[in-house]
Amino acid sequence: MKFIVRAGKPEDCRDIERMIMELAVYENMPDQVKISHKELERDGFGSNPYYQCLIAEVPEEQKSKDGHTKVGYALFFYTYSTWKGRVVFIEDLYVMPDYRGKGIGKALMATVAKVGKEKQCMRLQLSVLDWNRPSLEFYLAKGAEDLTAKEGWHFIRFSGEALDSLAQEAP
């Protein structure tokens, strides 16, 4: 299958929004998505972007049954490890179901790794749901380490009222 991986552009935000919702449905959490293409455009393509995005695109003759040529994306950003230094974090890696198993996910992830290495990142990190065995096995086959199993790390989140309450405790 022919495809390209390229940097996302503001005009891709409607397709990114569509694929975010497809991913949320796959993860059984569509009600959690509260973002639109407007926030994606503001936050990824403004003067101080919070994230970067890669798009996987197929030629017109290989478009989806719904007419989409943008069939996958990787949304990522940079963070920092006080032990290792620069880190690139993949928030989302998604390929539409009919296009899986054709090297698109691998190409997206490898391109994020290449971009991270060019920025002198020491790690590429991501999270995966415990029931998502196909994705976990894909990452492990590529050499990733499962830090929950290996080191016992848990990802912790504050949001909504818990975040508001914590912020109110600041001096």
C-alpha atoms as a PDB file:
ATOM      1  CA  MET A   1       0.000   0.000   0.000  1.00  0.00           C
ATOM      2  CA  LYS A   2       1.256   3.434  -0.893  1.00  0.00           C
ATOM      3  CA  PHE A   3       1.174   6.107   1.795  1.00  0.00           C
ATOM      4  CA  ILE A   4       3.139   9.096   2.996  1.00  0.00           C
ATOM      5  CA  VAL A   5       3.846  10.378   6.485  1.00  0.00           C
ATOM      6  CA  ARG A   6       4.021  14.143   6.705  1.00  0.00           C
ATOM      7  CA  ALA A   7       3.821  16.941   9.227  1.00  0.00           C
ATOM      8  CA  GLY A   8       0.295  17.937  10.138  1.00  0.00           C
ATOM      9  CA  LYS A   9      -1.091  21.270   8.963  1.00  0.00           C
ATOM     10  CA  PRO A  10      -3.897  23.452  10.340  1.00  0.00           C
ATOM     11  CA  GLU A  11      -6.230  22.256   7.588  1.00  0.00           C
ATOM     12  CA  ASP A  12      -5.803  18.665   8.877  1.00  0.00           C
ATOM     13  CA  CYS A  13      -7.488  19.452  12.198  1.00  0.00           C
ATOM     14  CA  ARG A  14     -10.967  18.286  11.153  1.00  0.00           C
ATOM     15  CA  ASP A  15      -9.504  14.922  10.123  1.00  0.00           C
ATOM     16  CA  ILE A  16      -7.442  14.749  13.310  1.00  0.00           C
ATOM     17  CA  GLU A  17     -10.630  15.427  15.297  1.00  0.00           C
ATOM     18  CA  ARG A  18     -12.413  12.643  13.366  1.00  0.00           C
ATOM     19  CA  MET A  19      -9.618  10.158  14.059  1.00  0.00           C
ATOM     20  CA  ILE A  20      -9.422  11.173  17.740  1.00  0.00           C
ATOM     21  CA  MET A  21     -13.087  10.243  18.039  1.00  0.00           C
ATOM     22  CA  GLU A  22     -12.513   6.963  16.188  1.00  0.00           C
ATOM     23  CA  LEU A  23      -9.707   6.151  18.633  1.00  0.00           C
ATOM     24  CA  ALA A  24     -11.907   7.087  21.600  1.00  0.00           C
ATOM     25  CA  VAL A  25     -14.648   4.762  20.327  1.00  0.00           C
ATOM     26  CA  TYR A  26     -12.067   1.957  19.977  1.00  0.00           C
ATOM     27  CA  GLU A  27     -10.912   2.644  23.553  1.00  0.00           C
ATOM     28  CA  ASN A  28     -14.552   2.606  24.782  1.00  0.00           C
ATOM     29  CA  MET A  29     -14.354   6.233  25.930  1.00  0.00           C
ATOM     30  CA  PRO A  30     -16.068   8.420  23.307  1.00  0.00           C
ATOM     31  CA  ASP A  31     -17.787  10.465  26.030  1.00  0.00           C
ATOM     32  CA  GLN A  32     -14.363  11.619  27.268  1.00  0.00           C
ATOM     33  CA  VAL A  33     -13.544  13.612  24.107  1.00  0.00           C
ATOM     34  CA  LYS A  34     -14.247  17.296  24.731  1.00  0.00           C
ATOM     35  CA  ILE A  35     -11.956  18.837  22.119  1.00  0.00           C
ATOM     36  CA  SER A  36     -12.768  20.101  18.635  1.00  0.00           C
ATOM     37  CA  HIS A  37     -10.804  20.990  15.544  1.00  0.00           C
ATOM     38  CA  LYS A  38     -10.760  24.600  16.765  1.00  0.00           C
ATOM     39  CA  GLU A  39      -8.795  23.751  19.923  1.00  0.00           C
ATOM     40  CA  LEU A  40      -6.572  21.400  17.926  1.00  0.00           C
ATOM     41  CA  GLU A  41      -5.742  24.204  15.503  1.00  0.00           C
ATOM     42  CA  ARG A  42      -5.139  26.720  18.294  1.00  0.00           C
ATOM     43  CA  ASP A  43      -3.046  24.370  20.423  1.00  0.00           C
ATOM     44  CA  GLY A  44      -1.014  22.725  17.677  1.00  0.00           C
ATOM     45  CA  PHE A  45      -0.513  25.472  15.151  1.00  0.00           C
ATOM     46  CA  GLY A  46      -0.468  28.718  17.132  1.00  0.00           C
ATOM     47  CA  SER A  47       2.563  30.795  18.085  1.00  0.00           C
ATOM     48  CA  ASN A  48       3.445  28.468  20.998  1.00  0.00           C
ATOM     49  CA  PRO A  49       2.310  24.952  19.982  1.00  0.00           C
ATOM     50  CA  TYR A  50       1.579  22.428  22.720  1.00  0.00           C
ATOM     51  CA  TYR A  51       1.892  19.449  20.390  1.00  0.00           C
ATOM     52  CA  GLN A  52       3.060  18.294  16.988  1.00  0.00           C
ATOM     53  CA  CYS A  53       1.263  15.908  14.697  1.00  0.00           C
ATOM     54  CA  LEU A  54       2.146  13.583  11.862  1.00  0.00           C
ATOM     55  CA  ILE A  55      -0.426  12.522   9.292  1.00  0.00           C
ATOM     56  CA  ALA A  56      -0.473   9.279   7.310  1.00  0.00           C
ATOM     57  CA  GLU A  57      -2.091   9.852   3.953  1.00  0.00           C
ATOM     58  CA  VAL A  58      -2.926   7.477   1.111  1.00  0.00           C
ATOM     59  CA  PRO A  59      -3.429   8.356  -2.564  1.00  0.00           C
ATOM     60  CA  GLU A  60      -6.923   9.215  -3.722  1.00  0.00           C
ATOM     61  CA  GLU A  61      -7.329   5.784  -5.359  1.00  0.00           C
ATOM     62  CA  GLN A  62      -6.837   4.107  -1.960  1.00  0.00           C
ATOM     63  CA  LYS A  63      -9.181   6.368   0.001  1.00  0.00           C
ATOM     64  CA  SER A  64     -11.489   4.859   2.616  1.00  0.00           C
ATOM     65  CA  LYS A  65     -15.067   3.845   1.887  1.00  0.00           C
ATOM     66  CA  ASP A  66     -16.067   7.165   3.496  1.00  0.00           C
ATOM     67  CA  GLY A  67     -13.738   9.094   1.178  1.00  0.00           C
ATOM     68  CA  HIS A  68     -10.865   9.790   3.596  1.00  0.00           C
ATOM     69  CA  THR A  69      -7.262   9.919   2.410  1.00  0.00           C
ATOM     70  CA  LYS A  70      -5.917  10.844   5.860  1.00  0.00           C
ATOM     71  CA  VAL A  71      -5.918   7.424   7.510  1.00  0.00           C
ATOM     72  CA  GLY A  72      -3.669   7.749  10.549  1.00  0.00           C
ATOM     73  CA  TYR A  73      -1.940  10.181  12.850  1.00  0.00           C
ATOM     74  CA  ALA A  74       0.584  10.461  15.639  1.00  0.00           C
ATOM     75  CA  LEU A  75       0.140  13.336  18.081  1.00  0.00           C
ATOM     76  CA  PHE A  76       3.178  13.988  20.270  1.00  0.00           C
ATOM     77  CA  PHE A  77       4.867  16.554  22.490  1.00  0.00           C
ATOM     78  CA  TYR A  78       8.050  17.020  24.491  1.00  0.00           C
ATOM     79  CA  THR A  79       8.578  16.545  28.182  1.00  0.00           C
ATOM     80  CA  TYR A  80      11.608  16.197  30.412  1.00  0.00           C
ATOM     81  CA  SER A  81      13.117  13.492  32.603  1.00  0.00           C
ATOM     82  CA  THR A  82      15.190  14.693  35.541  1.00  0.00           C
ATOM     83  CA  TRP A  83      17.127  11.432  35.200  1.00  0.00           C
ATOM     84  CA  LYS A  84      17.653  11.288  31.425  1.00  0.00           C
ATOM     85  CA  GLY A  85      16.840  14.668  29.872  1.00  0.00           C
ATOM     86  CA  ARG A  86      14.687  15.316  26.832  1.00  0.00           C
ATOM     87  CA  VAL A  87      11.736  12.994  26.150  1.00  0.00           C
ATOM     88  CA  VAL A  88       9.213  12.789  23.319  1.00  0.00           C
ATOM     89  CA  PHE A  89       5.775  11.531  24.399  1.00  0.00           C
ATOM     90  CA  ILE A  90       3.253  10.065  21.964  1.00  0.00           C
ATOM     91  CA  GLU A  91      -0.226  10.979  23.160  1.00  0.00           C
ATOM     92  CA  ASP A  92      -2.020   9.223  20.292  1.00  0.00           C
ATOM     93  CA  LEU A  93      -0.949   6.758  17.629  1.00  0.00           C
ATOM     94  CA  TYR A  94      -3.872   5.750  15.458  1.00  0.00           C
ATOM     95  CA  VAL A  95      -4.463   4.052  12.118  1.00  0.00           C
ATOM     96  CA  MET A  96      -7.946   3.447  10.725  1.00  0.00           C
ATOM     97  CA  PRO A  97      -8.902  -0.264  10.985  1.00  0.00           C
ATOM     98  CA  ASP A  98      -8.885  -0.994   7.231  1.00  0.00           C
ATOM     99  CA  TYR A  99      -5.324   0.350   6.983  1.00  0.00           C
ATOM    100  CA  ARG A 100      -3.774  -1.533   9.910  1.00  0.00           C
ATOM    101  CA  GLY A 101      -1.104  -4.154   9.309  1.00  0.00           C
ATOM    102  CA  LYS A 102       0.284  -2.295   6.301  1.00  0.00           C
ATOM    103  CA  GLY A 103       3.218  -0.532   7.999  1.00  0.00           C
ATOM    104  CA  ILE A 104       1.485   2.786   8.595  1.00  0.00           C
ATOM    105  CA  GLY A 105       1.570   2.651  12.416  1.00  0.00           C
ATOM    106  CA  LYS A 106       5.202   1.567  12.349  1.00  0.00           C
ATOM    107  CA  ALA A 107       6.049   4.419   9.963  1.00  0.00           C
ATOM    108  CA  LEU A 108       4.278   6.971  12.172  1.00  0.00           C
ATOM    109  CA  MET A 109       6.004   5.737  15.328  1.00  0.00           C
ATOM    110  CA  ALA A 110       9.413   5.528  13.625  1.00  0.00           C
ATOM    111  CA  THR A 111       9.017   9.067  12.324  1.00  0.00           C
ATOM    112  CA  VAL A 112       8.222  10.352  15.824  1.00  0.00           C
ATOM    113  CA  ALA A 113      11.352   8.518  17.041  1.00  0.00           C
ATOM    114  CA  LYS A 114      13.416  10.128  14.264  1.00  0.00           C
ATOM    115  CA  VAL A 115      12.081  13.601  15.091  1.00  0.00           C
ATOM    116  CA  GLY A 116      12.803  12.957  18.776  1.00  0.00           C
ATOM    117  CA  LYS A 117      16.361  11.819  18.042  1.00  0.00           C
ATOM    118  CA  GLU A 118      16.904  14.934  15.902  1.00  0.00           C
ATOM    119  CA  LYS A 119      15.855  16.979  18.970  1.00  0.00           C
ATOM    120  CA  GLN A 120      18.264  14.953  21.154  1.00  0.00           C
ATOM    121  CA  CYS A 121      15.522  13.136  23.045  1.00  0.00           C
ATOM    122  CA  MET A 122      16.730  10.245  25.180  1.00  0.00           C
ATOM    123  CA  ARG A 123      13.369   8.485  25.354  1.00  0.00           C
ATOM    124  CA  LEU A 124      10.140   7.953  23.503  1.00  0.00           C
ATOM    125  CA  GLN A 125       7.275   7.276  25.914  1.00  0.00           C
ATOM    126  CA  LEU A 126       3.598   6.506  25.558  1.00  0.00           C
ATOM    127  CA  SER A 127       0.810   4.828  27.447  1.00  0.00           C
ATOM    128  CA  VAL A 128      -1.469   2.007  26.375  1.00  0.00           C
ATOM    129  CA  LEU A 129      -4.604   0.575  27.946  1.00  0.00           C
ATOM    130  CA  ASP A 130      -4.027  -2.743  29.719  1.00  0.00           C
ATOM    131  CA  TRP A 131      -6.619  -4.569  27.597  1.00  0.00           C
ATOM    132  CA  ASN A 132      -5.162  -3.325  24.284  1.00  0.00           C
ATOM    133  CA  ARG A 133      -2.945  -6.375  23.733  1.00  0.00           C
ATOM    134  CA  PRO A 134      -2.404  -5.833  19.979  1.00  0.00           C
ATOM    135  CA  SER A 135      -0.923  -2.377  20.577  1.00  0.00           C
ATOM    136  CA  LEU A 136       1.092  -3.453  23.616  1.00  0.00           C
ATOM    137  CA  GLU A 137       2.549  -6.400  21.704  1.00  0.00           C
ATOM    138  CA  PHE A 138       3.339  -4.112  18.742  1.00  0.00           C
ATOM    139  CA  TYR A 139       5.292  -1.721  20.997  1.00  0.00           C
ATOM    140  CA  LEU A 140       7.097  -4.529  22.826  1.00  0.00           C
ATOM    141  CA  ALA A 141       8.061  -6.148  19.508  1.00  0.00           C
ATOM    142  CA  LYS A 142       9.695  -2.868  18.539  1.00  0.00           C
ATOM    143  CA  GLY A 143      11.818  -2.901  21.712  1.00  0.00           C
ATOM    144  CA  ALA A 144       9.682  -0.879  24.125  1.00  0.00           C
ATOM    145  CA  GLU A 145       9.686  -1.714  27.837  1.00  0.00           C
ATOM    146  CA  ASP A 146       6.472  -2.118  29.831  1.00  0.00           C
ATOM    147  CA  LEU A 147       7.322   0.097  32.822  1.00  0.00           C
ATOM    148  CA  THR A 148       4.268  -1.023  34.786  1.00  0.00           C
ATOM    149  CA  ALA A 149       5.468  -4.617  34.641  1.00  0.00           C
ATOM    150  CA  LYS A 150       9.195  -3.841  34.886  1.00  0.00           C
ATOM    151  CA  GLU A 151       9.364  -1.012  37.422  1.00  0.00           C
ATOM    152  CA  GLY A 152       5.852  -0.680  38.847  1.00  0.00           C
ATOM    153  CA  TRP A 153       5.176   2.859  37.557  1.00  0.00           C
ATOM    154  CA  HIS A 154       1.590   4.121  37.481  1.00  0.00           C
ATOM    155  CA  PHE A 155       0.372   7.136  35.502  1.00  0.00           C
ATOM    156  CA  ILE A 156      -1.458   9.569  37.787  1.00  0.00           C
ATOM    157  CA  ARG A 157      -3.930  12.234  36.655  1.00  0.00           C
ATOM    158  CA  PHE A 158      -5.572  15.233  38.310  1.00  0.00           C
ATOM    159  CA  SER A 159      -8.511  16.742  36.402  1.00  0.00           C
ATOM    160  CA  GLY A 160     -11.774  18.545  36.987  1.00  0.00           C
ATOM    161  CA  GLU A 161     -12.546  19.231  40.645  1.00  0.00           C
ATOM    162  CA  ALA A 162      -9.394  17.461  41.853  1.00  0.00           C
ATOM    163  CA  LEU A 163      -7.225  19.761  39.701  1.00  0.00           C
ATOM    164  CA  ASP A 164      -9.215  22.828  40.766  1.00  0.00           C
ATOM    165  CA  SER A 165      -8.903  21.890  44.436  1.00  0.00           C
ATOM    166  CA  LEU A 166      -5.173  21.227  44.169  1.00  0.00           C
ATOM    167  CA  ALA A 167      -4.562  24.519  42.350  1.00  0.00           C
ATOM    168  CA  GLN A 168      -6.456  26.404  45.099  1.00  0.00           C
ATOM    169  CA  GLU A 169      -3.943  25.071  47.641  1.00  0.00           C
ATOM    170  CA  ALA A 170      -1.085  26.929  45.958  1.00  0.00           C
ATOM    171  CA  PRO A 171       0.401  29.742  48.050  1.00  0.00           C
END
